[in-house]
Amino acid sequence: MSHDRLAYARAAAGDPSECAKVADPTLAAECSAFAAQHLAATDLAAAQDRCATIPPGLWHDECGFLVCDAANVSVVAARRCCADAGRYSTRCLGHAVTREVTAAVAAFPRGAEDQAWQAAKNASIRALGPAGEDRAEAVMVRILADRATGFTLTKAVCGTSPQQICSATYAELVTRAAAAQDKDQQALVRPACAKKVSLQRATSLGLPPWDESLNEAAQTAFSRMCRR
């Protein structure tokens, strides 16, 4: 193992001072960024000081992003913290918003998905303005889709969420089913496209099934997916 790689390995094992012994500037910057990330969970200020020692460039920006993420900063704190993330500042703030929206949804029990959606939407719009609704929907849909067994859209998956969210959740399940079959989503959907897609036709093509009570949500999802 080269001297640089040995120092890097020692740093990764818990001795960040070893990063200073790495001669290659790119490898040294990478080493410092990951050392700062590890430190950020317990001492964000110290982690940011370490990031500041990295010369301007990709790893300086990456370090700023990594430490804010590792510290799980709030949206309010992210506005300042993420400013040091350079090219990754928007993604950095987006991660903070996702954490806040996820926490807002988690504050409600199953059966109160409509209230969870309102809380998620409000939290995201406060952080991002009108565009925040799209971020809130993406997070809410991911949470609901994670409930599904075998990619099936059921009442237990959607709960009391609005139809737009339930419909988007079916589309997410289609995306996941396509990935499981190693297919592109549109390649899976296109053969099913029709004015109305029957449950039998959909499942025969490998598309996720749905409860009959959620047929309207599924049809809305197909209408959108088939327009792409």
Protein backbone atom coordinates (compact mmCIF):
# COMPACT_ATOMS: atom_id res chain seq x y z
CA MET A 1 0.00 0.00 0.00
CA SER A 2 1.33 3.47 -0.92
CA HIS A 3 2.18 6.04 1.75
CA ASP A 4 -0.89 8.10 0.76
CA ARG A 5 -3.24 5.13 0.90
CA LEU A 6 -1.82 4.03 4.24
CA ALA A 7 -2.38 7.48 5.73
CA TYR A 8 -5.88 7.55 4.23
CA ALA A 9 -6.65 4.15 5.76
CA ARG A 10 -5.45 5.32 9.18
CA ALA A 11 -7.64 8.40 8.90
CA ALA A 12 -10.63 6.25 7.99
CA ALA A 13 -9.89 4.07 11.01
CA GLY A 14 -10.35 7.05 13.30
CA ASP A 15 -7.30 9.29 13.16
CA PRO A 16 -8.19 12.31 10.99
CA SER A 17 -4.78 13.89 11.58
CA GLU A 18 -3.42 11.29 9.14
CA CYS A 19 -5.09 13.21 6.29
CA ALA A 20 -2.35 15.80 6.60
CA LYS A 21 0.18 13.13 5.60
CA VAL A 22 -1.52 12.45 2.27
CA ALA A 23 0.60 14.10 -0.44
CA ASP A 24 -1.83 13.82 -3.36
CA PRO A 25 -3.99 16.98 -3.10
CA THR A 26 -7.19 15.38 -4.41
CA LEU A 27 -6.88 12.36 -2.13
CA ALA A 28 -6.02 14.61 0.81
CA ALA A 29 -9.13 16.72 0.18
CA GLU A 30 -11.29 13.61 -0.05
CA CYS A 31 -9.76 12.28 3.16
CA SER A 32 -10.47 15.54 5.01
CA ALA A 33 -14.04 15.68 3.74
CA PHE A 34 -14.88 12.23 5.07
CA ALA A 35 -13.05 12.92 8.32
CA ALA A 36 -15.18 16.06 8.72
CA GLN A 37 -18.34 14.08 7.97
CA HIS A 38 -17.49 11.64 10.76
CA LEU A 39 -16.85 14.51 13.17
CA ALA A 40 -20.03 16.44 12.29
CA ALA A 41 -22.40 14.14 14.17
CA THR A 42 -20.90 15.30 17.47
CA ASP A 43 -19.24 18.63 16.65
CA LEU A 44 -20.56 20.48 13.62
CA ALA A 45 -18.47 23.60 14.21
CA ALA A 46 -15.25 21.60 14.33
CA ALA A 47 -16.29 19.70 11.20
CA GLN A 48 -16.91 22.97 9.36
CA ASP A 49 -13.50 24.22 10.44
CA ARG A 50 -11.98 21.11 8.87
CA CYS A 51 -13.92 21.72 5.66
CA ALA A 52 -12.52 25.24 5.58
CA THR A 53 -8.99 23.82 5.28
CA ILE A 54 -9.87 22.11 1.98
CA PRO A 55 -8.98 24.23 -1.09
CA PRO A 56 -11.90 25.49 -3.22
CA GLY A 57 -13.24 22.84 -5.53
CA LEU A 58 -15.37 19.74 -5.63
CA TRP A 59 -14.26 18.25 -2.31
CA HIS A 60 -14.60 21.58 -0.51
CA ASP A 61 -18.23 21.76 -1.65
CA GLU A 62 -18.79 18.06 -0.96
CA CYS A 63 -17.44 18.52 2.55
CA GLY A 64 -19.89 21.35 3.22
CA PHE A 65 -22.74 19.13 2.09
CA LEU A 66 -21.58 16.05 4.00
CA VAL A 67 -21.21 17.78 7.36
CA CYS A 68 -24.63 19.46 7.22
CA ASP A 69 -26.20 16.13 6.32
CA ALA A 70 -24.33 14.20 9.01
CA ALA A 71 -25.40 16.76 11.62
CA ASN A 72 -29.06 16.43 10.52
CA VAL A 73 -29.42 20.20 10.54
CA SER A 74 -32.91 21.69 10.55
CA VAL A 75 -34.19 23.71 7.61
CA VAL A 76 -33.51 26.94 9.50
CA ALA A 77 -29.94 25.90 10.29
CA ALA A 78 -29.45 24.55 6.77
CA ARG A 79 -29.92 27.99 5.24
CA ARG A 80 -26.58 29.01 6.74
CA CYS A 81 -24.87 25.61 6.90
CA CYS A 82 -25.56 24.72 3.28
CA ALA A 83 -24.17 28.01 2.02
CA ASP A 84 -20.74 26.38 2.38
CA ALA A 85 -21.75 23.49 0.13
CA GLY A 86 -21.23 25.46 -3.09
CA ARG A 87 -22.48 23.44 -6.05
CA TYR A 88 -24.30 21.12 -3.64
CA SER A 89 -26.07 23.83 -1.62
CA THR A 90 -29.48 23.23 -3.22
CA ARG A 91 -29.26 19.48 -2.65
CA CYS A 92 -28.07 20.13 0.91
CA LEU A 93 -31.12 22.28 1.68
CA GLY A 94 -33.33 19.72 -0.06
CA HIS A 95 -32.12 16.99 2.27
CA ALA A 96 -32.96 19.16 5.28
CA VAL A 97 -36.45 19.75 3.90
CA THR A 98 -36.90 16.01 3.34
CA ARG A 99 -35.96 15.33 6.96
CA GLU A 100 -38.42 17.94 8.19
CA VAL A 101 -41.24 16.64 5.99
CA THR A 102 -40.53 13.05 7.03
CA ALA A 103 -40.71 14.08 10.68
CA ALA A 104 -43.98 15.93 10.06
CA VAL A 105 -45.52 12.78 8.53
CA ALA A 106 -44.15 10.56 11.31
CA ALA A 107 -45.90 12.70 13.91
CA PHE A 108 -49.27 11.28 12.80
CA PRO A 109 -50.54 7.72 13.27
CA ARG A 110 -51.90 5.54 10.49
CA GLY A 111 -55.43 6.59 9.71
CA ALA A 112 -54.50 10.27 9.81
CA GLU A 113 -52.72 10.43 6.46
CA ASP A 114 -54.80 13.43 5.36
CA GLN A 115 -53.52 15.39 8.35
CA ALA A 116 -49.99 14.12 7.79
CA TRP A 117 -50.15 15.36 4.20
CA GLN A 118 -51.24 18.83 5.26
CA ALA A 119 -48.44 19.02 7.83
CA ALA A 120 -45.89 17.79 5.30
CA LYS A 121 -47.06 20.25 2.65
CA ASN A 122 -47.04 23.18 5.07
CA ALA A 123 -43.53 22.35 6.31
CA SER A 124 -42.14 22.06 2.79
CA ILE A 125 -43.81 25.21 1.47
CA ARG A 126 -42.49 27.18 4.45
CA ALA A 127 -39.00 26.04 3.49
CA LEU A 128 -39.11 26.21 -0.30
CA GLY A 129 -42.09 28.37 -1.23
CA PRO A 130 -44.78 27.10 -3.65
CA ALA A 131 -42.38 24.56 -5.16
CA GLY A 132 -42.28 22.89 -1.76
CA GLU A 133 -45.53 21.05 -2.47
CA ASP A 134 -43.78 18.86 -5.04
CA ARG A 135 -41.05 17.95 -2.55
CA ALA A 136 -43.66 17.16 0.11
CA GLU A 137 -45.56 14.94 -2.32
CA ALA A 138 -42.42 13.04 -3.27
CA VAL A 139 -41.61 12.34 0.37
CA MET A 140 -45.17 11.41 1.30
CA VAL A 141 -45.46 9.08 -1.68
CA ARG A 142 -42.20 7.33 -0.81
CA ILE A 143 -43.40 6.78 2.76
CA LEU A 144 -46.73 5.34 1.62
CA ALA A 145 -45.14 3.15 -1.07
CA ASP A 146 -42.83 1.69 1.56
CA ARG A 147 -45.93 0.26 3.27
CA ALA A 148 -46.89 -1.85 0.26
CA THR A 149 -46.42 -5.59 0.15
CA GLY A 150 -45.64 -7.02 -3.25
CA PHE A 151 -46.17 -3.62 -4.94
CA THR A 152 -49.94 -3.84 -4.32
CA LEU A 153 -51.88 -0.59 -3.85
CA THR A 154 -54.29 -1.16 -0.96
CA LYS A 155 -56.40 0.97 1.33
CA ALA A 156 -53.89 0.26 4.08
CA VAL A 157 -51.18 1.82 1.91
CA CYS A 158 -53.06 5.02 1.06
CA GLY A 159 -55.07 5.38 4.26
CA THR A 160 -56.91 8.69 4.31
CA SER A 161 -54.46 10.49 2.03
CA PRO A 162 -55.98 12.61 -0.80
CA GLN A 163 -56.56 10.85 -4.10
CA GLN A 164 -53.71 12.77 -5.79
CA ILE A 165 -51.29 11.26 -3.27
CA CYS A 166 -52.77 7.78 -3.54
CA SER A 167 -52.60 8.01 -7.33
CA ALA A 168 -48.98 9.15 -7.22
CA THR A 169 -48.25 6.27 -4.85
CA TYR A 170 -49.50 3.80 -7.45
CA ALA A 171 -47.19 5.40 -10.02
CA GLU A 172 -44.31 4.98 -7.58
CA LEU A 173 -45.20 1.31 -7.14
CA VAL A 174 -45.14 0.95 -10.93
CA THR A 175 -41.64 2.45 -10.97
CA ARG A 176 -40.50 0.01 -8.28
CA ALA A 177 -42.13 -2.96 -10.03
CA ALA A 178 -40.40 -1.99 -13.28
CA ALA A 179 -37.03 -1.80 -11.51
CA ALA A 180 -37.63 -5.22 -9.97
CA GLN A 181 -38.23 -6.59 -13.47
CA ASP A 182 -35.23 -4.70 -14.84
CA LYS A 183 -37.49 -2.71 -17.15
CA ASP A 184 -38.00 0.96 -17.91
CA GLN A 185 -41.24 2.27 -16.38
CA GLN A 186 -42.66 3.41 -19.71
CA ALA A 187 -41.77 0.09 -21.35
CA LEU A 188 -43.86 -1.62 -18.68
CA VAL A 189 -46.77 0.85 -18.82
CA ARG A 190 -47.10 1.47 -22.56
CA PRO A 191 -48.71 -1.90 -23.53
CA ALA A 192 -51.45 -1.29 -20.95
CA CYS A 193 -52.39 2.21 -22.06
CA ALA A 194 -56.08 2.56 -22.89
CA LYS A 195 -59.02 4.78 -22.00
CA LYS A 196 -59.53 2.50 -19.01
CA VAL A 197 -57.00 -0.05 -17.81
CA SER A 198 -58.55 -3.17 -16.32
CA LEU A 199 -57.00 -4.77 -13.27
CA GLN A 200 -56.73 -8.06 -15.16
CA ARG A 201 -54.94 -6.43 -18.11
CA ALA A 202 -52.55 -4.58 -15.84
CA THR A 203 -51.54 -7.59 -13.78
CA SER A 204 -51.17 -9.77 -16.88
CA LEU A 205 -48.51 -7.33 -18.06
CA GLY A 206 -46.65 -7.39 -14.77
CA LEU A 207 -48.05 -4.11 -13.45
CA PRO A 208 -48.94 -3.79 -9.76
CA PRO A 209 -52.47 -4.74 -8.70
CA TRP A 210 -54.78 -2.44 -6.74
CA ASP A 211 -57.84 -2.71 -4.53
CA GLU A 212 -61.04 -2.19 -6.49
CA SER A 213 -61.93 0.61 -4.08
CA LEU A 214 -58.86 2.48 -5.36
CA ASN A 215 -59.66 2.02 -9.05
CA GLU A 216 -60.10 5.75 -9.64
CA ALA A 217 -56.68 6.49 -8.17
CA ALA A 218 -55.10 3.81 -10.38
CA GLN A 219 -56.86 5.09 -13.52
CA THR A 220 -55.66 8.63 -12.80
CA ALA A 221 -52.13 7.31 -12.45
CA PHE A 222 -52.38 5.48 -15.80
CA SER A 223 -53.78 8.59 -17.47
CA ARG A 224 -50.71 10.55 -16.37
CA MET A 225 -48.18 7.81 -17.08
CA CYS A 226 -49.59 7.14 -20.54
CA ARG A 227 -49.31 10.81 -21.54
CA ARG A 228 -45.54 10.76 -21.10
